[in-house]
Amino acid sequence: MGRGNVCVTGSYEGLFYIDNDDLRVYRKDGPGTDDCEDRLQRDLDYADITGPDWYLDEVGSSYEEADVLECFCNEMRKLCPSFQPAANSNVWLGNERRVILENELFYICVEDNEWSLAVELVQKDGYSDCESAWMAGLQKRRYRGYLDSMKKALLARLPSIGIRTGAWTSRTITREEAGVC
């Protein structure tokens, strides 16, 4: 599976990918001591990862992911104050998307993408046809600005993020390319 397998389907939705290289923490224990060294996957080469010294630290990786998402949420709320944290940490859209922020028009969700973590802007639905039409007009006006803010908020913490470019393709945007330094 590729980095860009998760997709959004709404007219006014979008997403970015956080590569697992920026989320997975590997640990190397010092022989006969309590010393250990932690590194992100992006800072190791293939020989290190497949060799006997370094191993995936699942607890450290979960803390790293939580920190990345906390930094993203804090930055996103500075850029777009209408977004508030989800009611609790266990709010899901369907079986795959976990809601981390929301406002009256959109959810911001995360979804496992095997090689990355997808961060998605997902449209909310109205309770009636009339409300849905009204919301769609507002969503159309706001979604590009929200996507731009999401990109800035992610790149404030990460060196690069992925974007979907087609059905089976994606590419990477760096801080420099996005003008976020």
C-alpha atoms as a PDB file:
ATOM      1  CA  MET A   1       0.000   0.000   0.000  1.00  0.00           C
ATOM      2  CA  GLY A   2       1.269   3.480  -0.772  1.00  0.00           C
ATOM      3  CA  ARG A   3       1.446   6.643   1.242  1.00  0.00           C
ATOM      4  CA  GLY A   4      -1.654   8.104  -0.394  1.00  0.00           C
ATOM      5  CA  ASN A   5      -4.237   5.326  -0.111  1.00  0.00           C
ATOM      6  CA  VAL A   6      -6.672   7.103   2.210  1.00  0.00           C
ATOM      7  CA  CYS A   7      -8.798   9.643   0.379  1.00  0.00           C
ATOM      8  CA  VAL A   8     -11.687  11.985   1.048  1.00  0.00           C
ATOM      9  CA  THR A   9     -14.806  12.022  -1.091  1.00  0.00           C
ATOM     10  CA  GLY A  10     -16.677  15.228  -0.266  1.00  0.00           C
ATOM     11  CA  SER A  11     -16.635  18.194  -2.619  1.00  0.00           C
ATOM     12  CA  TYR A  12     -15.038  20.440  -0.009  1.00  0.00           C
ATOM     13  CA  GLU A  13     -12.685  18.061   1.762  1.00  0.00           C
ATOM     14  CA  GLY A  14      -8.950  17.486   1.731  1.00  0.00           C
ATOM     15  CA  LEU A  15      -6.135  15.756   3.533  1.00  0.00           C
ATOM     16  CA  PHE A  16      -2.442  15.608   4.292  1.00  0.00           C
ATOM     17  CA  TYR A  17      -0.221  12.696   5.250  1.00  0.00           C
ATOM     18  CA  ILE A  18       2.263  12.493   8.116  1.00  0.00           C
ATOM     19  CA  ASP A  19       4.880   9.943   7.097  1.00  0.00           C
ATOM     20  CA  ASN A  20       5.592   7.205   9.634  1.00  0.00           C
ATOM     21  CA  ASP A  21       9.257   8.241   9.367  1.00  0.00           C
ATOM     22  CA  ASP A  22       8.221  11.248  11.491  1.00  0.00           C
ATOM     23  CA  LEU A  23       6.168   9.211  13.977  1.00  0.00           C
ATOM     24  CA  ARG A  24       8.000   5.941  14.618  1.00  0.00           C
ATOM     25  CA  VAL A  25      10.602   5.971  17.362  1.00  0.00           C
ATOM     26  CA  TYR A  26      13.414   3.427  17.460  1.00  0.00           C
ATOM     27  CA  ARG A  27      15.474   2.649  20.543  1.00  0.00           C
ATOM     28  CA  LYS A  28      18.987   1.341  21.028  1.00  0.00           C
ATOM     29  CA  ASP A  29      19.920   0.142  24.490  1.00  0.00           C
ATOM     30  CA  GLY A  30      23.470   0.492  25.723  1.00  0.00           C
ATOM     31  CA  PRO A  31      25.026  -2.903  26.529  1.00  0.00           C
ATOM     32  CA  GLY A  32      25.199  -3.508  30.282  1.00  0.00           C
ATOM     33  CA  THR A  33      23.938  -0.013  31.157  1.00  0.00           C
ATOM     34  CA  ASP A  34      20.717   1.883  31.613  1.00  0.00           C
ATOM     35  CA  ASP A  35      21.726   4.222  28.792  1.00  0.00           C
ATOM     36  CA  CYS A  36      19.544   4.220  25.725  1.00  0.00           C
ATOM     37  CA  GLU A  37      19.271   6.273  22.579  1.00  0.00           C
ATOM     38  CA  ASP A  38      16.041   7.169  20.772  1.00  0.00           C
ATOM     39  CA  ARG A  39      15.760   8.230  17.135  1.00  0.00           C
ATOM     40  CA  LEU A  40      12.991   8.803  14.672  1.00  0.00           C
ATOM     41  CA  GLN A  41      12.784   6.350  11.788  1.00  0.00           C
ATOM     42  CA  ARG A  42      13.739   9.131   9.329  1.00  0.00           C
ATOM     43  CA  ASP A  43      17.097   9.490  11.119  1.00  0.00           C
ATOM     44  CA  LEU A  44      18.051   5.826  10.615  1.00  0.00           C
ATOM     45  CA  ASP A  45      19.061   3.997   7.476  1.00  0.00           C
ATOM     46  CA  TYR A  46      17.840   0.590   6.347  1.00  0.00           C
ATOM     47  CA  ALA A  47      20.803  -1.250   7.872  1.00  0.00           C
ATOM     48  CA  ASP A  48      20.091   0.290  11.279  1.00  0.00           C
ATOM     49  CA  ILE A  49      16.396  -0.584  11.195  1.00  0.00           C
ATOM     50  CA  THR A  50      16.954  -4.180  10.072  1.00  0.00           C
ATOM     51  CA  GLY A  51      20.026  -4.743  12.230  1.00  0.00           C
ATOM     52  CA  PRO A  52      20.087  -6.194  15.738  1.00  0.00           C
ATOM     53  CA  ASP A  53      20.767  -2.970  17.687  1.00  0.00           C
ATOM     54  CA  TRP A  54      17.707  -0.823  16.999  1.00  0.00           C
ATOM     55  CA  TYR A  55      14.132  -1.866  17.741  1.00  0.00           C
ATOM     56  CA  LEU A  56      10.763  -0.180  17.305  1.00  0.00           C
ATOM     57  CA  ASP A  57       9.689   1.500  20.546  1.00  0.00           C
ATOM     58  CA  GLU A  58       5.901   1.284  20.378  1.00  0.00           C
ATOM     59  CA  VAL A  59       5.377   3.296  23.570  1.00  0.00           C
ATOM     60  CA  GLY A  60       7.794   5.999  22.420  1.00  0.00           C
ATOM     61  CA  SER A  61       6.099   6.014  19.012  1.00  0.00           C
ATOM     62  CA  SER A  62       2.660   6.497  20.573  1.00  0.00           C
ATOM     63  CA  TYR A  63       4.015   9.421  22.632  1.00  0.00           C
ATOM     64  CA  GLU A  64       5.590  10.939  19.514  1.00  0.00           C
ATOM     65  CA  GLU A  65       2.325  10.663  17.568  1.00  0.00           C
ATOM     66  CA  ALA A  66       0.397  12.198  20.478  1.00  0.00           C
ATOM     67  CA  ASP A  67       2.908  15.072  20.650  1.00  0.00           C
ATOM     68  CA  VAL A  68       2.738  15.735  16.902  1.00  0.00           C
ATOM     69  CA  LEU A  69      -1.074  15.794  17.018  1.00  0.00           C
ATOM     70  CA  GLU A  70      -1.138  17.990  20.135  1.00  0.00           C
ATOM     71  CA  CYS A  71       1.200  20.503  18.475  1.00  0.00           C
ATOM     72  CA  PHE A  72      -0.935  20.404  15.319  1.00  0.00           C
ATOM     73  CA  CYS A  73      -4.163  20.990  17.274  1.00  0.00           C
ATOM     74  CA  ASN A  74      -2.663  23.871  19.263  1.00  0.00           C
ATOM     75  CA  GLU A  75      -1.333  25.558  16.128  1.00  0.00           C
ATOM     76  CA  MET A  76      -4.561  24.937  14.207  1.00  0.00           C
ATOM     77  CA  ARG A  77      -6.615  26.517  16.999  1.00  0.00           C
ATOM     78  CA  LYS A  78      -4.368  29.598  16.866  1.00  0.00           C
ATOM     79  CA  LEU A  79      -4.884  29.895  13.104  1.00  0.00           C
ATOM     80  CA  CYS A  80      -8.592  28.975  13.128  1.00  0.00           C
ATOM     81  CA  PRO A  81     -10.129  29.632  16.567  1.00  0.00           C
ATOM     82  CA  SER A  82     -13.509  28.220  15.495  1.00  0.00           C
ATOM     83  CA  PHE A  83     -12.031  24.710  15.744  1.00  0.00           C
ATOM     84  CA  GLN A  84     -12.393  23.110  19.155  1.00  0.00           C
ATOM     85  CA  PRO A  85     -11.230  19.732  20.469  1.00  0.00           C
ATOM     86  CA  ALA A  86     -13.588  16.813  19.985  1.00  0.00           C
ATOM     87  CA  ALA A  87     -15.945  16.190  22.908  1.00  0.00           C
ATOM     88  CA  ASN A  88     -13.650  13.359  24.053  1.00  0.00           C
ATOM     89  CA  SER A  89     -10.732  11.363  22.691  1.00  0.00           C
ATOM     90  CA  ASN A  90     -13.000   8.576  21.495  1.00  0.00           C
ATOM     91  CA  VAL A  91     -15.150  10.351  18.869  1.00  0.00           C
ATOM     92  CA  TRP A  92     -15.121   8.445  15.568  1.00  0.00           C
ATOM     93  CA  LEU A  93     -16.614   8.946  12.110  1.00  0.00           C
ATOM     94  CA  GLY A  94     -17.268   5.440  10.898  1.00  0.00           C
ATOM     95  CA  ASN A  95     -14.781   2.805  11.945  1.00  0.00           C
ATOM     96  CA  GLU A  96     -11.618   4.461  10.665  1.00  0.00           C
ATOM     97  CA  ARG A  97     -11.591   8.220  11.339  1.00  0.00           C
ATOM     98  CA  ARG A  98     -10.920   9.609  14.824  1.00  0.00           C
ATOM     99  CA  VAL A  99     -12.115  13.196  15.289  1.00  0.00           C
ATOM    100  CA  ILE A 100      -9.515  15.475  16.909  1.00  0.00           C
ATOM    101  CA  LEU A 101     -10.997  18.935  16.154  1.00  0.00           C
ATOM    102  CA  GLU A 102     -14.321  20.238  14.898  1.00  0.00           C
ATOM    103  CA  ASN A 103     -16.276  23.399  14.215  1.00  0.00           C
ATOM    104  CA  GLU A 104     -19.810  24.005  12.927  1.00  0.00           C
ATOM    105  CA  LEU A 105     -18.854  23.053   9.354  1.00  0.00           C
ATOM    106  CA  PHE A 106     -16.038  20.476   9.464  1.00  0.00           C
ATOM    107  CA  TYR A 107     -14.349  17.715  11.380  1.00  0.00           C
ATOM    108  CA  ILE A 108     -10.585  17.308  11.414  1.00  0.00           C
ATOM    109  CA  CYS A 109      -9.856  13.598  11.707  1.00  0.00           C
ATOM    110  CA  VAL A 110      -6.883  11.262  11.716  1.00  0.00           C
ATOM    111  CA  GLU A 111      -6.864   7.880  10.010  1.00  0.00           C
ATOM    112  CA  ASP A 112      -4.246   5.142   9.817  1.00  0.00           C
ATOM    113  CA  ASN A 113      -2.857   4.837   6.295  1.00  0.00           C
ATOM    114  CA  GLU A 114      -0.357   1.993   6.899  1.00  0.00           C
ATOM    115  CA  TRP A 115       2.718   3.979   5.767  1.00  0.00           C
ATOM    116  CA  SER A 116       1.477   7.283   7.133  1.00  0.00           C
ATOM    117  CA  LEU A 117      -1.171   8.975   9.238  1.00  0.00           C
ATOM    118  CA  ALA A 118      -3.817  10.844   7.244  1.00  0.00           C
ATOM    119  CA  VAL A 119      -5.043  14.168   8.658  1.00  0.00           C
ATOM    120  CA  GLU A 120      -8.379  14.912   7.010  1.00  0.00           C
ATOM    121  CA  LEU A 121     -10.737  17.865   6.709  1.00  0.00           C
ATOM    122  CA  VAL A 122     -14.196  16.262   6.485  1.00  0.00           C
ATOM    123  CA  GLN A 123     -17.492  18.049   5.803  1.00  0.00           C
ATOM    124  CA  LYS A 124     -20.279  17.895   8.360  1.00  0.00           C
ATOM    125  CA  ASP A 125     -23.763  17.054   7.112  1.00  0.00           C
ATOM    126  CA  GLY A 126     -26.879  19.106   7.828  1.00  0.00           C
ATOM    127  CA  TYR A 127     -29.970  17.724   9.493  1.00  0.00           C
ATOM    128  CA  SER A 128     -32.183  18.627   6.543  1.00  0.00           C
ATOM    129  CA  ASP A 129     -31.804  19.274   2.815  1.00  0.00           C
ATOM    130  CA  CYS A 130     -32.171  23.007   3.418  1.00  0.00           C
ATOM    131  CA  GLU A 131     -29.518  23.050   6.141  1.00  0.00           C
ATOM    132  CA  SER A 132     -27.193  20.867   4.042  1.00  0.00           C
ATOM    133  CA  ALA A 133     -27.450  23.299   1.106  1.00  0.00           C
ATOM    134  CA  TRP A 134     -26.750  26.246   3.413  1.00  0.00           C
ATOM    135  CA  MET A 135     -23.768  24.447   4.987  1.00  0.00           C
ATOM    136  CA  ALA A 136     -22.353  23.461   1.582  1.00  0.00           C
ATOM    137  CA  GLY A 137     -22.227  27.125   0.580  1.00  0.00           C
ATOM    138  CA  LEU A 138     -20.286  28.013   3.725  1.00  0.00           C
ATOM    139  CA  GLN A 139     -18.041  24.961   3.376  1.00  0.00           C
ATOM    140  CA  LYS A 140     -17.212  25.929  -0.197  1.00  0.00           C
ATOM    141  CA  ARG A 141     -16.081  29.384   0.957  1.00  0.00           C
ATOM    142  CA  ARG A 142     -14.016  28.138   3.915  1.00  0.00           C
ATOM    143  CA  TYR A 143     -12.398  24.826   3.044  1.00  0.00           C
ATOM    144  CA  ARG A 144      -9.395  26.137   1.059  1.00  0.00           C
ATOM    145  CA  GLY A 145      -8.472  28.486   3.907  1.00  0.00           C
ATOM    146  CA  TYR A 146      -8.823  25.666   6.420  1.00  0.00           C
ATOM    147  CA  LEU A 147      -6.648  23.365   4.286  1.00  0.00           C
ATOM    148  CA  ASP A 148      -3.986  26.064   4.042  1.00  0.00           C
ATOM    149  CA  SER A 149      -4.094  26.500   7.826  1.00  0.00           C
ATOM    150  CA  MET A 150      -3.832  22.724   8.305  1.00  0.00           C
ATOM    151  CA  LYS A 151      -0.747  22.666   6.068  1.00  0.00           C
ATOM    152  CA  LYS A 152       0.873  25.494   8.056  1.00  0.00           C
ATOM    153  CA  ALA A 153      -0.019  23.885  11.390  1.00  0.00           C
ATOM    154  CA  LEU A 154       1.460  20.519  10.358  1.00  0.00           C
ATOM    155  CA  LEU A 155       4.627  22.063   8.929  1.00  0.00           C
ATOM    156  CA  ALA A 156       5.141  24.083  12.110  1.00  0.00           C
ATOM    157  CA  ARG A 157       6.107  20.760  13.769  1.00  0.00           C
ATOM    158  CA  LEU A 158       7.128  18.486  10.886  1.00  0.00           C
ATOM    159  CA  PRO A 159       9.847  18.894   8.220  1.00  0.00           C
ATOM    160  CA  SER A 160       7.517  17.693   5.441  1.00  0.00           C
ATOM    161  CA  ILE A 161       4.024  16.334   4.791  1.00  0.00           C
ATOM    162  CA  GLY A 162       2.438  14.353   1.992  1.00  0.00           C
ATOM    163  CA  ILE A 163      -0.381  15.409  -0.303  1.00  0.00           C
ATOM    164  CA  ARG A 164      -2.549  13.290  -2.569  1.00  0.00           C
ATOM    165  CA  THR A 165      -1.939  13.959  -6.260  1.00  0.00           C
ATOM    166  CA  GLY A 166      -3.991  11.186  -7.834  1.00  0.00           C
ATOM    167  CA  ALA A 167      -5.682   7.851  -7.313  1.00  0.00           C
ATOM    168  CA  TRP A 168      -2.442   6.045  -6.421  1.00  0.00           C
ATOM    169  CA  THR A 169       0.041   8.887  -6.208  1.00  0.00           C
ATOM    170  CA  SER A 170       1.189  11.410  -3.654  1.00  0.00           C
ATOM    171  CA  ARG A 171       4.055  13.817  -3.237  1.00  0.00           C
ATOM    172  CA  THR A 172       5.841  15.565  -0.405  1.00  0.00           C
ATOM    173  CA  ILE A 173       5.759  19.254   0.515  1.00  0.00           C
ATOM    174  CA  THR A 174       8.576  20.665   2.640  1.00  0.00           C
ATOM    175  CA  ARG A 175       8.485  23.717   4.890  1.00  0.00           C
ATOM    176  CA  GLU A 176      10.555  25.630   2.360  1.00  0.00           C
ATOM    177  CA  GLU A 177       8.237  24.790  -0.556  1.00  0.00           C
ATOM    178  CA  ALA A 178       5.225  25.877   1.473  1.00  0.00           C
ATOM    179  CA  GLY A 179       6.912  29.075   2.654  1.00  0.00           C
ATOM    180  CA  VAL A 180       6.650  27.994   6.295  1.00  0.00           C
ATOM    181  CA  CYS A 181      10.058  28.401   7.884  1.00  0.00           C
END
